[in-house]
Structures are given as structure tokens and as C-alpha cells.
Amino acid sequence: MSQELTYPDPPTPAFLFDLDGTLIDSVYQHVIAWRSALAGLGIDLSVWRIHRRIGMSGGLFVTALLRETGLSLDQGQIEELQKAHASAYAEQADSVRPLPGAIELLSELTARGVPWAIATSGRAATARLALGMLKLPEDAPMITRDQVRHAKPDPDLFLAGAALLKVDPRFAMVVGDSVWDLLAARRAGSLGIGLLSGGYGRDELERAGAFRVYADPADMLDRLYELGVRKAGSDD
């Protein structure tokens, strides 16, 4: 007869969500906003080049694109560019919608007592526009670029998100749609979950460290059991 072992209870899973392309369908609005802002400074870049950098902070995004093109801007121009992007994105904000299942996923996690937070490279001025469309209160747990020293692919946003939830980053799972999310997750010591809803392919997300890849939040919600999220009172 086997003896039942005594061991510490495992921590409740916690989730750290990216925002754009993960919870809200806004990636292409950001792409067009960046293209408009760049064009305002006489910089003509293909849409695909811009898309590949979405998920980085605005400053890092600009630096990476300038390095690729060989162009140079002074600090004042970079700040002007970021403001122009924010303005162009705000003009399109009415066309942004929650991704399928996003509202239901966050609601279900809350109902099951699973802690979660949003950690986005966006600044508060644009990121907080999403709270209403996700049917979240103003005090919903959210970390924005304004609150950390470095954005993705640095791990700061996810480390700060874990601290906000008072959980060890090792016991949190990061949900994101870009390779930058997953690289940052690895550096934070968290498991990464990839979503295809931001335009990156399954292979790219898996190579960047995703241990599970889902189509969108609705697909993830249908398969929460794969992530060790159980219904209250369930031992299965």
C-alpha cells in the first residue's frame, strides 16, 4: 500500500497578458499609425517592416527601424514621431475591438480566482483606452511602458506585472502575440503562451519560447485545462 506523500501546495497559476494583438485587435491600427507618423517626417517604410517591430516600446521601435534603414533622427524628432504615432492611433481607436474571447477569458479567470494582469509596451495614454472595450474597471491591474525602465524584449514589464500580483515570475505564464513578448517572458523566467492573433506564425512563436500556441483568446479559453487552470473544487 503506497503512502501518501506530504509536499507544499503548488501555487495558483497567474497570467500576464500583453495587450495589442493579444486582448485587443489593434496591431494593424498601430502599423498604420506608425506609417503615418513616419511619413510625416519624410520616412517611407514598407508596412511589413513596421509590423515586425510591433510589440516593442515606441523608443526601441524607432531605434530598431532607423538602424535597419540607416537613417538618423535627433531626440526631438524621435519624441515628435512618438507623439504623432499616438495621435494617429487615437484617430483610429473607434475601429479597435476586443479579440474573440478576450472579455470572456478575463472574466473566467477572475471567476476561478486566478490572478492576472495586463503588461503592455504601450503608454498609459493609449493603453488605458482598452479598459472600457474589455469591460474592465479603471483600477484593473495594468502595467504600462511609463512605469518601467525598459520595455520588451527586456523583462521589466512582466517582472513588474508579477510584482503587482505579488507572485513569483516563475509561477506566472505570459500570454503574447509577438516574438518580443516571448523573449521577454523567457528573460523574466516565466512560461510563454503564444497567440496567432497578432500576425506572427506558429513556428516563430514556438522558436521564441512559446510552450503552447493558440489562435486567439477564445481558443485559449476553450483549452484552459492544458495550462493547469481548474474549475473551483475540481481535483482533475
Protein backbone atom coordinates (compact mmCIF):
# COMPACT_ATOMS: atom_id res chain seq x y z
CA MET A 1 0.00 0.00 0.00
CA SER A 2 1.58 3.28 -1.07
CA GLN A 3 1.99 6.06 1.45
CA GLU A 4 0.55 9.47 0.62
CA LEU A 5 3.35 12.00 0.48
CA THR A 6 3.29 15.40 2.08
CA TYR A 7 4.51 18.32 -0.04
CA PRO A 8 3.80 22.02 -0.45
CA ASP A 9 0.71 23.00 -2.39
CA PRO A 10 1.62 24.30 -5.85
CA PRO A 11 0.95 28.00 -6.42
CA THR A 12 -2.19 29.04 -8.28
CA PRO A 13 -1.33 29.81 -11.91
CA ALA A 14 -1.14 33.52 -12.70
CA PHE A 15 -1.29 35.17 -16.12
CA LEU A 16 0.41 38.26 -17.53
CA PHE A 17 -1.21 39.44 -20.75
CA ASP A 18 0.17 41.60 -23.50
CA LEU A 19 -2.49 43.95 -24.85
CA ASP A 20 -2.23 44.80 -28.57
CA GLY A 21 -2.78 41.71 -30.70
CA THR A 22 -3.37 39.62 -27.58
CA LEU A 23 -6.52 41.03 -25.99
CA ILE A 24 -7.50 43.71 -28.50
CA ASP A 25 -7.39 43.62 -32.29
CA SER A 26 -5.20 46.70 -32.72
CA VAL A 27 -1.95 45.62 -34.33
CA TYR A 28 -2.76 46.93 -37.78
CA GLN A 29 -4.09 50.22 -36.43
CA HIS A 30 -0.69 50.65 -34.76
CA VAL A 31 1.07 49.74 -38.01
CA ILE A 32 -0.89 52.35 -39.98
CA ALA A 33 -0.38 54.94 -37.22
CA TRP A 34 3.38 54.38 -37.29
CA ARG A 35 3.43 54.57 -41.09
CA SER A 36 1.56 57.88 -40.96
CA ALA A 37 3.89 59.26 -38.30
CA LEU A 38 6.99 58.21 -40.24
CA ALA A 39 5.61 59.67 -43.46
CA GLY A 40 5.17 62.97 -41.64
CA LEU A 41 8.96 63.09 -41.27
CA GLY A 42 9.51 62.04 -44.87
CA ILE A 43 10.38 58.44 -44.00
CA ASP A 44 8.77 55.88 -46.31
CA LEU A 45 8.81 52.37 -44.87
CA SER A 46 7.00 49.24 -46.03
CA VAL A 47 4.16 48.09 -43.79
CA TRP A 48 5.73 44.67 -43.26
CA ARG A 49 8.88 46.22 -41.78
CA ILE A 50 6.79 48.16 -39.31
CA HIS A 51 4.68 45.15 -38.36
CA ARG A 52 7.74 43.07 -37.48
CA ARG A 53 8.63 45.55 -34.72
CA ILE A 54 5.19 45.99 -33.18
CA GLY A 55 5.37 44.92 -29.54
CA MET A 56 8.48 46.91 -28.73
CA SER A 57 8.23 50.22 -26.91
CA GLY A 58 7.95 53.30 -29.11
CA GLY A 59 11.53 54.40 -28.46
CA LEU A 60 13.05 50.99 -29.09
CA PHE A 61 10.79 50.54 -32.10
CA VAL A 62 12.07 53.76 -33.66
CA THR A 63 15.69 52.91 -32.88
CA ALA A 64 15.37 49.47 -34.50
CA LEU A 65 13.72 50.83 -37.65
CA LEU A 66 16.27 53.59 -38.02
CA ARG A 67 19.09 51.07 -37.68
CA GLU A 68 17.53 48.96 -40.44
CA THR A 69 17.15 51.92 -42.79
CA GLY A 70 20.39 53.70 -41.99
CA LEU A 71 18.53 56.92 -41.19
CA SER A 72 19.17 59.07 -38.15
CA LEU A 73 16.91 61.30 -36.06
CA ASP A 74 17.72 63.51 -33.11
CA GLN A 75 15.96 63.07 -29.78
CA GLY A 76 13.50 65.84 -30.53
CA GLN A 77 12.46 64.18 -33.79
CA ILE A 78 12.07 60.81 -32.06
CA GLU A 79 9.77 62.37 -29.45
CA GLU A 80 7.82 64.13 -32.22
CA LEU A 81 7.48 60.80 -34.02
CA GLN A 82 6.11 59.05 -30.93
CA LYS A 83 3.58 61.83 -30.33
CA ALA A 84 2.49 61.68 -33.98
CA HIS A 85 2.01 57.92 -33.65
CA ALA A 86 -0.11 58.32 -30.50
CA SER A 87 -2.24 60.95 -32.23
CA ALA A 88 -2.69 58.83 -35.39
CA TYR A 89 -3.60 55.78 -33.31
CA ALA A 90 -6.16 57.76 -31.27
CA GLU A 91 -7.88 58.73 -34.52
CA GLN A 92 -8.41 55.03 -35.27
CA ALA A 93 -9.30 53.95 -31.74
CA ASP A 94 -13.01 53.63 -32.61
CA SER A 95 -12.16 50.81 -35.04
CA VAL A 96 -10.36 48.72 -32.40
CA ARG A 97 -12.30 45.78 -30.99
CA PRO A 98 -11.61 43.11 -28.36
CA LEU A 99 -10.29 39.91 -29.88
CA PRO A 100 -12.71 36.96 -29.84
CA GLY A 101 -12.96 35.53 -26.34
CA ALA A 102 -10.84 38.23 -24.64
CA ILE A 103 -13.60 39.56 -22.40
CA GLU A 104 -14.81 36.06 -21.56
CA LEU A 105 -11.28 34.79 -20.85
CA LEU A 106 -10.51 37.52 -18.32
CA SER A 107 -13.94 37.08 -16.74
CA GLU A 108 -13.47 33.32 -16.43
CA LEU A 109 -10.03 33.66 -14.85
CA THR A 110 -11.45 36.14 -12.35
CA ALA A 111 -14.34 33.80 -11.55
CA ARG A 112 -11.90 30.95 -10.91
CA GLY A 113 -9.78 33.10 -8.60
CA VAL A 114 -6.82 33.10 -10.97
CA PRO A 115 -4.75 36.30 -10.70
CA TRP A 116 -3.97 38.15 -13.93
CA ALA A 117 -2.60 41.49 -15.07
CA ILE A 118 -2.00 43.31 -18.35
CA ALA A 119 1.60 44.29 -19.13
CA THR A 120 1.93 46.35 -22.31
CA SER A 121 4.65 48.24 -24.15
CA GLY A 122 2.05 50.90 -24.84
CA ARG A 123 1.96 54.04 -22.77
CA ALA A 124 -0.93 54.71 -20.42
CA ALA A 125 -2.47 57.38 -22.69
CA THR A 126 -3.24 54.78 -25.38
CA ALA A 127 -3.29 51.53 -23.38
CA ARG A 128 -5.97 52.64 -20.94
CA LEU A 129 -8.34 53.27 -23.84
CA ALA A 130 -8.69 49.47 -23.96
CA LEU A 131 -10.13 49.05 -20.46
CA GLY A 132 -13.62 50.14 -21.43
CA MET A 133 -13.81 47.94 -24.51
CA LEU A 134 -12.66 44.96 -22.41
CA LYS A 135 -15.36 45.83 -19.84
CA LEU A 136 -12.71 46.30 -17.16
CA PRO A 137 -12.75 48.87 -14.35
CA GLU A 138 -10.29 51.76 -14.27
CA ASP A 139 -8.36 50.05 -11.48
CA ALA A 140 -7.85 46.80 -13.43
CA PRO A 141 -4.29 45.53 -12.90
CA MET A 142 -2.19 47.03 -15.71
CA ILE A 143 1.48 47.87 -16.17
CA THR A 144 2.36 50.28 -18.98
CA ARG A 145 5.60 51.48 -20.56
CA ASP A 146 5.51 54.64 -18.42
CA GLN A 147 6.03 52.59 -15.26
CA VAL A 148 9.19 50.61 -16.09
CA ARG A 149 12.76 51.37 -17.12
CA HIS A 150 12.85 49.17 -20.20
CA ALA A 151 10.22 47.65 -22.50
CA LYS A 152 10.16 44.36 -24.40
CA PRO A 153 12.24 42.41 -25.21
CA ASP A 154 13.57 43.36 -21.75
CA PRO A 155 11.64 41.56 -18.99
CA ASP A 156 10.77 44.65 -16.91
CA LEU A 157 7.06 44.78 -17.82
CA PHE A 158 6.46 41.17 -16.83
CA LEU A 159 8.58 41.41 -13.70
CA ALA A 160 6.56 44.47 -12.69
CA GLY A 161 3.30 42.68 -13.53
CA ALA A 162 4.26 39.74 -11.34
CA ALA A 163 5.20 42.11 -8.52
CA LEU A 164 1.82 43.84 -8.87
CA LEU A 165 0.11 40.47 -8.42
CA LYS A 166 2.53 39.51 -5.63
CA VAL A 167 3.53 36.30 -7.40
CA ASP A 168 6.91 34.84 -8.31
CA PRO A 169 7.53 35.36 -12.07
CA ARG A 170 8.48 31.67 -12.28
CA PHE A 171 4.88 30.77 -11.44
CA ALA A 172 3.33 33.17 -13.95
CA MET A 173 2.50 32.49 -17.58
CA VAL A 174 2.96 35.27 -20.13
CA VAL A 175 0.42 35.46 -22.95
CA GLY A 176 1.54 37.39 -26.02
CA ASP A 177 1.28 37.55 -29.79
CA SER A 178 4.82 38.58 -30.77
CA VAL A 179 8.31 37.17 -30.51
CA TRP A 180 9.20 40.19 -28.34
CA ASP A 181 6.62 39.12 -25.74
CA LEU A 182 8.03 35.61 -25.62
CA LEU A 183 11.66 36.69 -25.45
CA ALA A 184 10.78 38.99 -22.55
CA ALA A 185 8.90 36.13 -20.88
CA ARG A 186 11.94 33.87 -21.06
CA ARG A 187 14.13 36.57 -19.55
CA ALA A 188 11.61 37.01 -16.73
CA GLY A 189 11.71 33.26 -16.04
CA SER A 190 8.04 32.77 -16.98
CA LEU A 191 6.41 30.27 -19.30
CA GLY A 192 5.30 31.80 -22.59
CA ILE A 193 1.99 31.26 -24.38
CA GLY A 194 1.69 32.47 -27.97
CA LEU A 195 -1.40 33.72 -29.77
CA LEU A 196 -1.64 33.89 -33.56
CA SER A 197 -3.94 36.92 -33.43
CA GLY A 198 -1.10 39.44 -33.86
CA GLY A 199 0.13 38.12 -37.20
CA TYR A 200 3.20 36.07 -36.20
CA GLY A 201 3.32 32.43 -37.28
CA ARG A 202 3.23 29.39 -35.02
CA ASP A 203 6.83 28.43 -35.84
CA GLU A 204 8.12 31.91 -35.00
CA LEU A 205 6.32 31.95 -31.66
CA GLU A 206 7.50 28.47 -30.74
CA ARG A 207 11.09 29.30 -31.64
CA ALA A 208 10.88 32.37 -29.41
CA GLY A 209 9.82 30.16 -26.50
CA ALA A 210 6.05 29.57 -26.59
CA PHE A 211 5.23 26.20 -25.00
CA ARG A 212 1.62 26.46 -26.22
CA VAL A 213 0.20 28.39 -29.17
CA TYR A 214 -3.49 29.25 -29.58
CA ALA A 215 -5.37 31.02 -32.34
CA ASP A 216 -6.79 33.74 -30.10
CA PRO A 217 -8.16 34.27 -26.57
CA ALA A 218 -11.30 32.25 -27.38
CA ASP A 219 -9.16 29.24 -28.33
CA MET A 220 -7.12 29.62 -25.14
CA LEU A 221 -10.30 29.83 -23.06
CA ASP A 222 -11.56 26.57 -24.54
CA ARG A 223 -8.33 24.84 -23.53
CA LEU A 224 -7.52 26.34 -20.14
CA TYR A 225 -7.23 22.79 -18.79
CA GLU A 226 -3.97 22.44 -20.78
CA LEU A 227 -2.50 25.22 -18.63
CA GLY A 228 -3.41 23.71 -15.28
CA VAL A 229 -6.33 26.08 -14.68
CA ARG A 230 -9.07 24.10 -12.94
CA LYS A 231 -12.60 24.94 -12.01
CA ALA A 232 -13.17 25.69 -8.34
CA GLY A 233 -13.41 22.48 -6.31
CA SER A 234 -12.10 20.28 -9.14
CA ASP A 235 -9.34 17.73 -8.43
CA ASP A 236 -8.99 16.63 -12.07
